[in-house]
Amino acid sequence: MQRVYPSLVGLLLGLLQTGLYFQLSFMLSSSIRTFLLVTVCWLVGSVVGIGLAKRVQVGLSAFILLALAAYFACVLLLAVAPFQTQLWPAYGVLIALTGVYPGVFFVRMGAFYRARDLFLRENNGFIAGLVAGTILYLLVGRTALWIPPAILAISLIICDRSLLMRPLSTN
């Protein structure tokens, strides 16, 4: 499990980012501004997460829950107020909150994985999440943007933490 963990996190992040982009594109605006909103706010959240990683002493599970709560708050806001472009700032804040988790993840997991292994595994998982999110959305519809991220996030939260927190052998 320890070797697969960064890939699963990447998969979750890819699913979340795909879900945000699709839902905002269909329920708010399909312009380049939507793509930039998701990308820039996610990156801002990640930078905030990097800053919080060592100062805030809560487990990664709390940040996964924050990301999931912000993601579903965005979904709910889109359902309640579709096409309300005056809510761009609220969406930006929610996306940034979703992006905090990856920043914290990279800082904290740097102690347990070599940087190149961590980035390789997470990035491959992220790409798989983008592809899976897109294909699932095309095959199943909006439900695919809600259930898989929730299941994966819950799975990551209940993973055996003792297994994850032992440094990898360098053999």
N, C-alpha and C. Protein backbone atom coordinates (compact mmCIF):
# COMPACT_ATOMS: atom_id res chain seq x y z
N MET A 1 0.82 -1.20 0.00
CA MET A 1 0.00 0.00 0.00
C MET A 1 0.86 1.26 0.00
N GLN A 2 1.98 1.20 0.69
CA GLN A 2 2.83 2.37 0.82
C GLN A 2 3.33 2.86 -0.54
N ARG A 3 3.62 1.95 -1.45
CA ARG A 3 4.12 2.34 -2.76
C ARG A 3 3.02 2.90 -3.66
N VAL A 4 1.79 2.52 -3.40
CA VAL A 4 0.67 2.92 -4.24
C VAL A 4 0.02 4.21 -3.72
N TYR A 5 0.23 4.54 -2.47
CA TYR A 5 -0.43 5.68 -1.84
C TYR A 5 -0.31 6.98 -2.64
N PRO A 6 0.88 7.41 -3.07
CA PRO A 6 0.94 8.65 -3.85
C PRO A 6 0.14 8.59 -5.15
N SER A 7 0.08 7.42 -5.77
CA SER A 7 -0.71 7.28 -7.00
C SER A 7 -2.20 7.42 -6.71
N LEU A 8 -2.65 6.87 -5.59
CA LEU A 8 -4.05 7.01 -5.20
C LEU A 8 -4.40 8.46 -4.89
N VAL A 9 -3.48 9.16 -4.24
CA VAL A 9 -3.69 10.59 -3.98
C VAL A 9 -3.77 11.34 -5.31
N GLY A 10 -2.86 11.04 -6.23
CA GLY A 10 -2.91 11.67 -7.54
C GLY A 10 -4.21 11.38 -8.27
N LEU A 11 -4.68 10.14 -8.17
CA LEU A 11 -5.95 9.76 -8.78
C LEU A 11 -7.08 10.61 -8.20
N LEU A 12 -7.10 10.76 -6.88
CA LEU A 12 -8.12 11.59 -6.24
C LEU A 12 -8.04 13.03 -6.74
N LEU A 13 -6.83 13.58 -6.78
CA LEU A 13 -6.68 14.97 -7.20
C LEU A 13 -7.10 15.16 -8.66
N GLY A 14 -6.78 14.19 -9.51
CA GLY A 14 -7.22 14.25 -10.91
C GLY A 14 -8.73 14.20 -11.04
N LEU A 15 -9.36 13.34 -10.25
CA LEU A 15 -10.82 13.26 -10.26
C LEU A 15 -11.45 14.56 -9.77
N LEU A 16 -10.89 15.14 -8.71
CA LEU A 16 -11.43 16.39 -8.18
C LEU A 16 -11.27 17.53 -9.20
N GLN A 17 -10.10 17.63 -9.80
CA GLN A 17 -9.89 18.72 -10.74
C GLN A 17 -10.76 18.56 -11.99
N THR A 18 -10.90 17.33 -12.48
CA THR A 18 -11.77 17.07 -13.62
C THR A 18 -13.21 17.41 -13.26
N GLY A 19 -13.64 16.97 -12.08
CA GLY A 19 -15.00 17.26 -11.64
C GLY A 19 -15.28 18.74 -11.52
N LEU A 20 -14.33 19.47 -10.96
CA LEU A 20 -14.50 20.93 -10.85
C LEU A 20 -14.63 21.56 -12.23
N TYR A 21 -13.73 21.19 -13.12
CA TYR A 21 -13.74 21.79 -14.45
C TYR A 21 -15.04 21.49 -15.20
N PHE A 22 -15.45 20.22 -15.22
CA PHE A 22 -16.67 19.87 -15.95
C PHE A 22 -17.90 20.55 -15.36
N GLN A 23 -18.04 20.50 -14.05
CA GLN A 23 -19.22 21.07 -13.44
C GLN A 23 -19.28 22.59 -13.60
N LEU A 24 -18.15 23.25 -13.44
CA LEU A 24 -18.12 24.70 -13.64
C LEU A 24 -18.35 25.05 -15.11
N SER A 25 -17.82 24.24 -16.02
CA SER A 25 -18.01 24.51 -17.44
C SER A 25 -19.48 24.40 -17.85
N PHE A 26 -20.18 23.44 -17.29
CA PHE A 26 -21.57 23.21 -17.68
C PHE A 26 -22.56 24.05 -16.88
N MET A 27 -22.21 24.44 -15.66
CA MET A 27 -23.17 25.14 -14.81
C MET A 27 -22.82 26.60 -14.55
N LEU A 28 -21.67 27.06 -15.04
CA LEU A 28 -21.29 28.46 -14.83
C LEU A 28 -20.92 29.10 -16.15
N SER A 29 -19.83 28.63 -16.74
CA SER A 29 -19.37 29.20 -18.00
C SER A 29 -18.36 28.24 -18.62
N SER A 30 -18.41 28.10 -19.92
CA SER A 30 -17.45 27.22 -20.60
C SER A 30 -16.34 28.02 -21.26
N SER A 31 -16.05 29.18 -20.73
CA SER A 31 -15.01 30.03 -21.29
C SER A 31 -13.64 29.66 -20.74
N ILE A 32 -12.63 30.28 -21.29
CA ILE A 32 -11.26 30.08 -20.82
C ILE A 32 -11.13 30.53 -19.37
N ARG A 33 -11.98 31.45 -18.95
CA ARG A 33 -11.95 31.92 -17.56
C ARG A 33 -12.21 30.78 -16.58
N THR A 34 -13.06 29.85 -16.96
CA THR A 34 -13.34 28.70 -16.09
C THR A 34 -12.10 27.83 -15.93
N PHE A 35 -11.45 27.54 -17.04
CA PHE A 35 -10.21 26.75 -16.98
C PHE A 35 -9.17 27.47 -16.12
N LEU A 36 -9.01 28.77 -16.34
CA LEU A 36 -8.05 29.54 -15.55
C LEU A 36 -8.45 29.60 -14.08
N LEU A 37 -9.74 29.72 -13.81
CA LEU A 37 -10.22 29.74 -12.43
C LEU A 37 -9.81 28.47 -11.70
N VAL A 38 -10.07 27.34 -12.33
CA VAL A 38 -9.73 26.06 -11.70
C VAL A 38 -8.21 25.93 -11.53
N THR A 39 -7.47 26.22 -12.57
CA THR A 39 -6.01 26.04 -12.54
C THR A 39 -5.33 26.98 -11.55
N VAL A 40 -5.62 28.26 -11.66
CA VAL A 40 -4.93 29.26 -10.83
C VAL A 40 -5.34 29.12 -9.36
N CYS A 41 -6.62 28.97 -9.11
CA CYS A 41 -7.06 28.86 -7.70
C CYS A 41 -6.55 27.57 -7.06
N TRP A 42 -6.51 26.49 -7.83
CA TRP A 42 -5.94 25.23 -7.32
C TRP A 42 -4.48 25.44 -6.93
N LEU A 43 -3.73 26.09 -7.80
CA LEU A 43 -2.31 26.34 -7.52
C LEU A 43 -2.12 27.27 -6.33
N VAL A 44 -2.96 28.28 -6.21
CA VAL A 44 -2.90 29.17 -5.04
C VAL A 44 -3.17 28.37 -3.77
N GLY A 45 -4.18 27.51 -3.82
CA GLY A 45 -4.46 26.66 -2.66
C GLY A 45 -3.29 25.76 -2.32
N SER A 46 -2.63 25.22 -3.33
CA SER A 46 -1.47 24.36 -3.09
C SER A 46 -0.34 25.13 -2.42
N VAL A 47 -0.12 26.35 -2.84
CA VAL A 47 0.92 27.18 -2.21
C VAL A 47 0.55 27.46 -0.75
N VAL A 48 -0.72 27.74 -0.49
CA VAL A 48 -1.17 27.92 0.89
C VAL A 48 -0.94 26.64 1.68
N GLY A 49 -1.24 25.49 1.07
CA GLY A 49 -1.03 24.20 1.73
C GLY A 49 0.43 23.96 2.07
N ILE A 50 1.32 24.36 1.18
CA ILE A 50 2.76 24.24 1.46
C ILE A 50 3.12 25.04 2.71
N GLY A 51 2.56 26.23 2.81
CA GLY A 51 2.82 27.06 3.98
C GLY A 51 2.22 26.51 5.27
N LEU A 52 1.08 25.85 5.15
CA LEU A 52 0.40 25.31 6.33
C LEU A 52 0.93 23.96 6.78
N ALA A 53 1.60 23.25 5.91
CA ALA A 53 1.95 21.85 6.15
C ALA A 53 2.66 21.62 7.47
N LYS A 54 3.57 22.48 7.83
CA LYS A 54 4.33 22.27 9.06
C LYS A 54 3.81 23.10 10.23
N ARG A 55 3.00 24.11 9.91
CA ARG A 55 2.49 24.97 10.98
C ARG A 55 1.19 24.45 11.59
N VAL A 56 0.38 23.78 10.79
CA VAL A 56 -0.90 23.27 11.28
C VAL A 56 -0.73 21.79 11.59
N GLN A 57 -0.90 21.45 12.83
CA GLN A 57 -0.62 20.09 13.29
C GLN A 57 -1.87 19.22 13.32
N VAL A 58 -2.46 19.02 12.15
CA VAL A 58 -3.56 18.06 12.02
C VAL A 58 -3.14 17.06 10.95
N GLY A 59 -3.75 15.89 10.98
CA GLY A 59 -3.39 14.84 10.04
C GLY A 59 -3.84 15.15 8.62
N LEU A 60 -3.28 14.39 7.69
CA LEU A 60 -3.66 14.54 6.28
C LEU A 60 -5.15 14.29 6.06
N SER A 61 -5.73 13.45 6.90
CA SER A 61 -7.16 13.15 6.77
C SER A 61 -8.01 14.41 6.88
N ALA A 62 -7.61 15.33 7.75
CA ALA A 62 -8.36 16.58 7.90
C ALA A 62 -8.30 17.40 6.62
N PHE A 63 -7.16 17.38 5.95
CA PHE A 63 -7.03 18.13 4.70
C PHE A 63 -7.78 17.46 3.55
N ILE A 64 -7.85 16.12 3.59
CA ILE A 64 -8.67 15.40 2.60
C ILE A 64 -10.13 15.78 2.80
N LEU A 65 -10.57 15.81 4.05
CA LEU A 65 -11.95 16.19 4.34
C LEU A 65 -12.23 17.63 3.94
N LEU A 66 -11.27 18.53 4.16
CA LEU A 66 -11.42 19.92 3.72
C LEU A 66 -11.59 19.99 2.21
N ALA A 67 -10.73 19.27 1.49
CA ALA A 67 -10.81 19.26 0.03
C ALA A 67 -12.16 18.73 -0.45
N LEU A 68 -12.60 17.64 0.15
CA LEU A 68 -13.87 17.04 -0.23
C LEU A 68 -15.04 17.95 0.11
N ALA A 69 -15.00 18.57 1.29
CA ALA A 69 -16.08 19.48 1.70
C ALA A 69 -16.14 20.68 0.75
N ALA A 70 -14.99 21.25 0.40
CA ALA A 70 -14.97 22.39 -0.51
C ALA A 70 -15.46 21.99 -1.90
N TYR A 71 -15.06 20.81 -2.35
CA TYR A 71 -15.49 20.29 -3.65
C TYR A 71 -17.01 20.17 -3.69
N PHE A 72 -17.59 19.54 -2.67
CA PHE A 72 -19.04 19.34 -2.66
C PHE A 72 -19.79 20.64 -2.37
N ALA A 73 -19.18 21.57 -1.66
CA ALA A 73 -19.79 22.89 -1.49
C ALA A 73 -19.88 23.60 -2.85
N CYS A 74 -18.85 23.44 -3.64
CA CYS A 74 -18.86 24.01 -5.00
C CYS A 74 -19.98 23.39 -5.83
N VAL A 75 -20.11 22.07 -5.76
CA VAL A 75 -21.17 21.35 -6.47
C VAL A 75 -22.54 21.85 -6.01
N LEU A 76 -22.72 21.98 -4.72
CA LEU A 76 -24.00 22.43 -4.16
C LEU A 76 -24.31 23.87 -4.60
N LEU A 77 -23.31 24.73 -4.53
CA LEU A 77 -23.51 26.12 -4.95
C LEU A 77 -23.89 26.20 -6.43
N LEU A 78 -23.26 25.37 -7.25
CA LEU A 78 -23.62 25.33 -8.67
C LEU A 78 -25.06 24.85 -8.87
N ALA A 79 -25.50 23.91 -8.06
CA ALA A 79 -26.86 23.39 -8.17
C ALA A 79 -27.89 24.44 -7.73
N VAL A 80 -27.55 25.18 -6.69
CA VAL A 80 -28.47 26.17 -6.14
C VAL A 80 -28.51 27.44 -6.99
N ALA A 81 -27.37 27.82 -7.54
CA ALA A 81 -27.27 29.07 -8.29
C ALA A 81 -26.52 28.86 -9.61
N PRO A 82 -27.11 28.13 -10.55
CA PRO A 82 -26.41 27.91 -11.82
C PRO A 82 -26.30 29.20 -12.63
N PHE A 83 -25.20 29.31 -13.34
CA PHE A 83 -24.94 30.43 -14.26
C PHE A 83 -24.90 31.79 -13.57
N GLN A 84 -24.63 31.82 -12.30
CA GLN A 84 -24.52 33.07 -11.56
C GLN A 84 -23.05 33.50 -11.52
N THR A 85 -22.64 34.22 -12.55
CA THR A 85 -21.22 34.57 -12.68
C THR A 85 -20.73 35.53 -11.60
N GLN A 86 -21.63 36.16 -10.87
CA GLN A 86 -21.18 37.01 -9.77
C GLN A 86 -20.61 36.18 -8.62
N LEU A 87 -20.77 34.86 -8.69
CA LEU A 87 -20.24 33.97 -7.65
C LEU A 87 -18.83 33.47 -7.97
N TRP A 88 -18.19 34.00 -9.00
CA TRP A 88 -16.82 33.59 -9.33
C TRP A 88 -15.90 33.61 -8.12
N PRO A 89 -15.92 34.69 -7.30
CA PRO A 89 -15.02 34.69 -6.14
C PRO A 89 -15.28 33.54 -5.16
N ALA A 90 -16.55 33.20 -4.95
CA ALA A 90 -16.86 32.08 -4.05
C ALA A 90 -16.32 30.77 -4.62
N TYR A 91 -16.48 30.58 -5.91
CA TYR A 91 -15.93 29.37 -6.54
C TYR A 91 -14.41 29.36 -6.42
N GLY A 92 -13.80 30.51 -6.60
CA GLY A 92 -12.34 30.59 -6.47
C GLY A 92 -11.86 30.18 -5.09
N VAL A 93 -12.56 30.64 -4.06
CA VAL A 93 -12.19 30.28 -2.68
C VAL A 93 -12.37 28.77 -2.46
N LEU A 94 -13.48 28.23 -2.93
CA LEU A 94 -13.74 26.79 -2.76
C LEU A 94 -12.70 25.94 -3.50
N ILE A 95 -12.33 26.36 -4.70
CA ILE A 95 -11.30 25.63 -5.45
C ILE A 95 -9.96 25.73 -4.73
N ALA A 96 -9.64 26.91 -4.22
CA ALA A 96 -8.38 27.07 -3.49
C ALA A 96 -8.36 26.18 -2.25
N LEU A 97 -9.49 26.08 -1.56
CA LEU A 97 -9.56 25.20 -0.39
C LEU A 97 -9.35 23.74 -0.80
N THR A 98 -9.87 23.36 -1.95
CA THR A 98 -9.65 22.01 -2.46
C THR A 98 -8.18 21.80 -2.76
N GLY A 99 -7.51 22.83 -3.23
CA GLY A 99 -6.10 22.74 -3.60
C GLY A 99 -5.13 22.77 -2.43
N VAL A 100 -5.61 23.05 -1.23
CA VAL A 100 -4.71 23.07 -0.06
C VAL A 100 -4.14 21.67 0.19
N TYR A 101 -4.96 20.66 0.05
CA TYR A 101 -4.52 19.28 0.34
C TYR A 101 -3.28 18.87 -0.44
N PRO A 102 -3.20 19.10 -1.77
CA PRO A 102 -1.97 18.67 -2.46
C PRO A 102 -0.71 19.35 -1.93
N GLY A 103 -0.81 20.62 -1.55
CA GLY A 103 0.36 21.31 -1.01
C GLY A 103 0.83 20.67 0.28
N VAL A 104 -0.11 20.40 1.17
CA VAL A 104 0.23 19.74 2.44
C VAL A 104 0.78 18.34 2.18
N PHE A 105 0.14 17.62 1.28
CA PHE A 105 0.55 16.26 0.96
C PHE A 105 2.02 16.21 0.53
N PHE A 106 2.41 17.08 -0.41
CA PHE A 106 3.78 17.03 -0.92
C PHE A 106 4.80 17.37 0.16
N VAL A 107 4.52 18.34 0.99
CA VAL A 107 5.47 18.69 2.05
C VAL A 107 5.60 17.54 3.05
N ARG A 108 4.49 17.02 3.49
CA ARG A 108 4.54 15.97 4.53
C ARG A 108 5.07 14.65 3.99
N MET A 109 4.76 14.30 2.79
CA MET A 109 5.21 13.02 2.25
C MET A 109 6.66 13.06 1.78
N GLY A 110 7.22 14.26 1.68
CA GLY A 110 8.63 14.38 1.33
C GLY A 110 9.55 13.70 2.32
N ALA A 111 9.08 13.52 3.54
CA ALA A 111 9.87 12.84 4.56
C ALA A 111 9.85 11.32 4.39
N PHE A 112 8.93 10.80 3.60
CA PHE A 112 8.76 9.36 3.47
C PHE A 112 9.08 8.82 2.08
N TYR A 113 9.20 9.71 1.11
CA TYR A 113 9.47 9.30 -0.26
C TYR A 113 10.56 10.20 -0.83
N ARG A 114 11.36 9.63 -1.72
CA ARG A 114 12.28 10.47 -2.47
C ARG A 114 11.44 11.37 -3.36
N ALA A 115 11.89 12.60 -3.56
CA ALA A 115 11.10 13.58 -4.31
C ALA A 115 10.71 13.08 -5.69
N ARG A 116 11.66 12.48 -6.39
CA ARG A 116 11.34 12.03 -7.76
C ARG A 116 10.31 10.90 -7.76
N ASP A 117 10.37 10.01 -6.77
CA ASP A 117 9.39 8.93 -6.68
C ASP A 117 8.00 9.49 -6.33
N LEU A 118 7.98 10.42 -5.40
CA LEU A 118 6.72 11.03 -4.98
C LEU A 118 6.05 11.75 -6.16
N PHE A 119 6.81 12.57 -6.86
CA PHE A 119 6.25 13.31 -8.00
C PHE A 119 5.85 12.37 -9.13
N LEU A 120 6.65 11.37 -9.40
CA LEU A 120 6.32 10.43 -10.48
C LEU A 120 5.02 9.70 -10.18
N ARG A 121 4.91 9.16 -8.98
CA ARG A 121 3.73 8.37 -8.63
C ARG A 121 2.48 9.24 -8.55
N GLU A 122 2.60 10.39 -7.90
CA GLU A 122 1.43 11.27 -7.78
C GLU A 122 1.01 11.78 -9.15
N ASN A 123 1.98 12.17 -9.97
CA ASN A 123 1.66 12.71 -11.29
C ASN A 123 1.02 11.66 -12.19
N ASN A 124 1.52 10.43 -12.15
CA ASN A 124 0.90 9.37 -12.94
C ASN A 124 -0.53 9.10 -12.46
N GLY A 125 -0.74 9.12 -11.16
CA GLY A 125 -2.09 8.98 -10.62
C GLY A 125 -2.98 10.14 -11.03
N PHE A 126 -2.42 11.34 -11.03
CA PHE A 126 -3.18 12.53 -11.42
C PHE A 126 -3.64 12.42 -12.88
N ILE A 127 -2.73 12.02 -13.74
CA ILE A 127 -3.10 11.85 -15.16
C ILE A 127 -4.17 10.77 -15.30
N ALA A 128 -4.01 9.68 -14.56
CA ALA A 128 -5.03 8.63 -14.59
C ALA A 128 -6.37 9.16 -14.08
N GLY A 129 -6.35 10.04 -13.08
CA GLY A 129 -7.57 10.65 -12.56
C GLY A 129 -8.24 11.55 -13.58
N LEU A 130 -7.44 12.32 -14.31
CA LEU A 130 -8.00 13.18 -15.36
C LEU A 130 -8.68 12.33 -16.44
N VAL A 131 -7.98 11.27 -16.85
CA VAL A 131 -8.53 10.40 -17.90
C VAL A 131 -9.75 9.65 -17.38
N ALA A 132 -9.64 9.05 -16.20
CA ALA A 132 -10.75 8.28 -15.63
C ALA A 132 -11.96 9.18 -15.39
N GLY A 133 -11.74 10.37 -14.86
CA GLY A 133 -12.84 11.29 -14.61
C GLY A 133 -13.56 11.65 -15.90
N THR A 134 -12.80 11.89 -16.95
CA THR A 134 -13.40 12.24 -18.24
C THR A 134 -14.19 11.08 -18.81
N ILE A 135 -13.58 9.90 -18.83
CA ILE A 135 -14.26 8.72 -19.39
C ILE A 135 -15.49 8.36 -18.56
N LEU A 136 -15.36 8.36 -17.25
CA LEU A 136 -16.51 8.05 -16.39
C LEU A 136 -17.63 9.05 -16.60
N TYR A 137 -17.27 10.33 -16.74
CA TYR A 137 -18.29 11.35 -16.98
C TYR A 137 -19.02 11.09 -18.30
N LEU A 138 -18.27 10.74 -19.33
CA LEU A 138 -18.88 10.47 -20.63
C LEU A 138 -19.79 9.24 -20.58
N LEU A 139 -19.41 8.23 -19.81
CA LEU A 139 -20.17 6.99 -19.75
C LEU A 139 -21.34 7.03 -18.75
N VAL A 140 -21.13 7.68 -17.61
CA VAL A 140 -22.10 7.61 -16.52
C VAL A 140 -22.82 8.94 -16.29
N GLY A 141 -22.18 10.03 -16.61
CA GLY A 141 -22.78 11.33 -16.35
C GLY A 141 -22.27 11.93 -15.05
N ARG A 142 -23.03 12.88 -14.55
CA ARG A 142 -22.60 13.65 -13.37
C ARG A 142 -22.33 12.81 -12.14
N THR A 143 -22.99 11.73 -11.98
CA THR A 143 -22.76 10.85 -10.82
C THR A 143 -21.29 10.45 -10.73
N ALA A 144 -20.64 10.30 -11.86
CA ALA A 144 -19.23 9.93 -11.89
C ALA A 144 -18.34 11.03 -11.32
N LEU A 145 -18.85 12.25 -11.26
CA LEU A 145 -18.08 13.35 -10.70
C LEU A 145 -18.26 13.45 -9.18
N TRP A 146 -19.20 12.69 -8.64
CA TRP A 146 -19.48 12.76 -7.21
C TRP A 146 -19.05 11.51 -6.46
N ILE A 147 -19.42 10.35 -6.93
CA ILE A 147 -19.20 9.12 -6.16
C ILE A 147 -17.74 8.68 -6.14
N PRO A 148 -17.04 8.56 -7.29
CA PRO A 148 -15.65 8.11 -7.22
C PRO A 148 -14.73 8.97 -6.34
N PRO A 149 -14.80 10.32 -6.41
CA PRO A 149 -13.94 11.08 -5.50
C PRO A 149 -14.26 10.82 -4.03
N ALA A 150 -15.54 10.69 -3.71
CA ALA A 150 -15.92 10.44 -2.31
C ALA A 150 -15.40 9.09 -1.84
N ILE A 151 -15.57 8.06 -2.66
CA ILE A 151 -15.11 6.72 -2.29
C ILE A 151 -13.59 6.70 -2.14
N LEU A 152 -12.89 7.32 -3.07
CA LEU A 152 -11.43 7.33 -3.00
C LEU A 152 -10.93 8.13 -1.80
N ALA A 153 -11.56 9.26 -1.53
CA ALA A 153 -11.15 10.06 -0.37
C ALA A 153 -11.37 9.28 0.93
N ILE A 154 -12.50 8.64 1.04
CA ILE A 154 -12.77 7.84 2.24
C ILE A 154 -11.76 6.70 2.35
N SER A 155 -11.43 6.08 1.23
CA SER A 155 -10.44 4.99 1.23
C SER A 155 -9.08 5.49 1.70
N LEU A 156 -8.68 6.67 1.25
CA LEU A 156 -7.39 7.22 1.67
C LEU A 156 -7.39 7.54 3.16
N ILE A 157 -8.53 8.01 3.65
CA ILE A 157 -8.62 8.35 5.07
C ILE A 157 -8.49 7.11 5.95
N ILE A 158 -9.09 6.00 5.52
CA ILE A 158 -9.07 4.81 6.37
C ILE A 158 -7.89 3.88 6.10
N CYS A 159 -6.98 4.30 5.23
CA CYS A 159 -5.77 3.48 5.00
C CYS A 159 -5.02 3.28 6.30
N ASP A 160 -4.33 2.18 6.38
CA ASP A 160 -3.52 1.89 7.56
C ASP A 160 -2.39 2.90 7.65
N ARG A 161 -2.51 3.84 8.57
CA ARG A 161 -1.55 4.93 8.70
C ARG A 161 -0.17 4.43 9.12
N SER A 162 -0.11 3.39 9.89
CA SER A 162 1.20 2.90 10.31
C SER A 162 1.98 2.36 9.12
N LEU A 163 1.28 1.77 8.17
CA LEU A 163 1.93 1.27 6.97
C LEU A 163 2.45 2.43 6.14
N LEU A 164 1.67 3.49 6.07
CA LEU A 164 2.05 4.64 5.24
C LEU A 164 3.19 5.46 5.83
N MET A 165 3.28 5.51 7.12
CA MET A 165 4.21 6.44 7.74
C MET A 165 5.60 5.87 8.00
N ARG A 166 5.87 4.64 7.58
CA ARG A 166 7.23 4.11 7.70
C ARG A 166 8.00 4.48 6.46
N PRO A 167 9.22 5.01 6.60
CA PRO A 167 10.01 5.36 5.42
C PRO A 167 10.26 4.14 4.54
N LEU A 168 10.25 4.35 3.24
CA LEU A 168 10.54 3.29 2.29
C LEU A 168 12.00 2.88 2.39
N SER A 169 12.27 1.61 2.21
CA SER A 169 13.67 1.20 2.18
C SER A 169 14.26 1.69 0.86
N THR A 170 15.55 1.96 0.86
CA THR A 170 16.20 2.51 -0.32
C THR A 170 16.88 1.42 -1.15
N ASN A 171 16.51 0.17 -0.98
CA ASN A 171 17.12 -0.94 -1.73
C ASN A 171 16.77 -0.83 -3.17
